[in-house]
């Protein structure tokens, strides 16, 4: 049987772990599992409306990810502060496209 984990399955339009690591590095952040899980969840979120901290926490909890609400909020604020995530208003967030991320062109 394959050693492939369920999280490594490929969904069209959804980045893999390597790509998420590159995005984090491009904005000057180190890789961490909480950051990876939040970025992956944001990739699945509605790009137009974004997702709230509570909705994101609920999605992660339902997926079996042991992140507290405070941790999700801290990760989102750090990602937003570094330009990988955009606040869309009313405490909603969405993933910025890689070309919108500051310094992403310097990580070539």
Foldseek 3Di string as FASTA:
>chain_A
DDPDDPLQDDDPQADGPVVQQLLCVQLPHHDDPLLSLLQRLLSVDDQPFAAALVRSVVVCVVVVHPDDSVRSVVSQVVCVVSQQWPQPPPRGIHGDPLVRGPRSVVSD
